[in-house]
């Protein structure tokens, strides 16, 4: 099966300072986090400002396609139950 993201829901995870969302591989759920640092590096909404939940979620939304692509790439190398994207994933 291939990794898909049928549910656009996402939430801010204060504990990990990241945006959390779920992907699916068939019937299996795969948990993902995107660190604030990755969103700051690539998201115009966060550049030069203090990150907040609303800004992080807006940055995630504007980067959704590239985030999903990076997650699919990570997942294709090694299938696990959870992943964390960092700034390094956005080269």
Protein backbone atom coordinates (compact mmCIF):
# COMPACT_ATOMS: atom_id res chain seq x y z
CA UNK A 1 0.00 0.00 0.00
CA UNK A 2 1.01 3.60 -0.27
CA UNK A 3 0.96 6.27 2.38
CA UNK A 4 -2.02 8.62 2.17
CA UNK A 5 -3.40 11.51 4.20
CA UNK A 6 -7.21 11.31 3.87
CA UNK A 7 -7.85 13.30 7.05
CA UNK A 8 -6.58 16.92 6.90
CA UNK A 9 -6.73 17.31 10.69
CA UNK A 10 -3.61 18.49 12.48
CA UNK A 11 -2.91 19.83 15.95
CA UNK A 12 -0.15 21.62 17.80
CA UNK A 13 1.76 19.48 20.30
CA UNK A 14 3.10 21.76 23.05
CA UNK A 15 5.17 19.01 24.63
CA UNK A 16 7.14 18.34 21.44
CA UNK A 17 6.85 21.88 20.00
CA UNK A 18 5.59 20.40 16.75
CA UNK A 19 2.52 19.89 14.60
CA UNK A 20 1.01 16.42 14.87
CA UNK A 21 -0.99 14.63 12.16
CA UNK A 22 -1.89 11.12 10.99
CA UNK A 23 -1.24 9.25 7.76
CA UNK A 24 -2.59 5.89 6.64
CA UNK A 25 -1.06 2.89 4.93
CA UNK A 26 -4.08 0.76 4.18
CA UNK A 27 -5.71 0.15 7.56
CA UNK A 28 -2.60 1.11 9.54
CA UNK A 29 -2.24 4.55 11.10
CA UNK A 30 1.14 6.26 11.03
CA UNK A 31 1.80 9.17 13.42
CA UNK A 32 3.79 12.19 12.27
CA UNK A 33 5.30 15.27 13.90
CA UNK A 34 6.75 18.28 12.12
CA UNK A 35 9.05 20.24 14.41
CA UNK A 36 8.61 23.99 14.67
CA UNK A 37 12.19 24.39 13.41
CA UNK A 38 11.22 22.71 10.13
CA UNK A 39 8.23 25.01 9.78
CA UNK A 40 10.38 28.07 10.57
CA UNK A 41 12.95 27.09 7.96
CA UNK A 42 10.44 26.62 5.19
CA UNK A 43 7.33 28.55 6.20
CA UNK A 44 6.98 32.25 5.41
CA UNK A 45 4.40 32.59 8.21
CA UNK A 46 7.07 31.99 10.87
CA UNK A 47 10.10 33.76 9.46
CA UNK A 48 11.28 36.51 11.77
CA UNK A 49 8.48 36.04 14.30
CA UNK A 50 7.99 34.18 17.54
CA UNK A 51 6.25 30.88 16.80
CA UNK A 52 2.74 30.46 18.15
CA UNK A 53 0.23 27.65 17.77
CA UNK A 54 -1.78 29.60 15.20
CA UNK A 55 1.32 30.53 13.16
CA UNK A 56 2.65 26.98 13.23
CA UNK A 57 -0.67 25.57 12.04
CA UNK A 58 -0.87 28.20 9.29
CA UNK A 59 2.70 27.37 8.20
CA UNK A 60 1.82 23.67 8.17
CA UNK A 61 -1.25 24.36 6.03
CA UNK A 62 0.74 26.39 3.51
CA UNK A 63 3.44 23.69 3.35
CA UNK A 64 1.11 20.70 3.43
CA UNK A 65 2.09 19.35 0.00
CA UNK A 66 5.84 19.51 0.66
CA UNK A 67 5.36 18.06 4.16
CA UNK A 68 3.37 15.12 2.78
CA UNK A 69 6.04 14.57 0.11
CA UNK A 70 8.80 14.56 2.75
CA UNK A 71 6.81 12.13 4.91
CA UNK A 72 6.21 9.78 1.99
CA UNK A 73 9.95 9.82 1.24
CA UNK A 74 10.85 9.05 4.88
CA UNK A 75 8.21 6.32 5.03
CA UNK A 76 9.42 4.68 1.82
CA UNK A 77 12.91 4.19 3.30
CA UNK A 78 11.72 2.50 6.48
CA UNK A 79 8.16 1.80 7.55
CA UNK A 80 7.59 2.66 11.20
CA UNK A 81 4.64 3.64 13.37
CA UNK A 82 5.80 7.23 13.90
CA UNK A 83 8.06 9.84 12.33
CA UNK A 84 9.39 13.28 13.18
CA UNK A 85 10.30 15.74 10.43
CA UNK A 86 13.05 18.21 11.24
CA UNK A 87 14.53 21.13 9.31
CA UNK A 88 17.04 18.67 7.78
CA UNK A 89 14.17 16.93 5.94
CA UNK A 90 13.65 20.12 3.94
CA UNK A 91 17.30 20.33 2.79
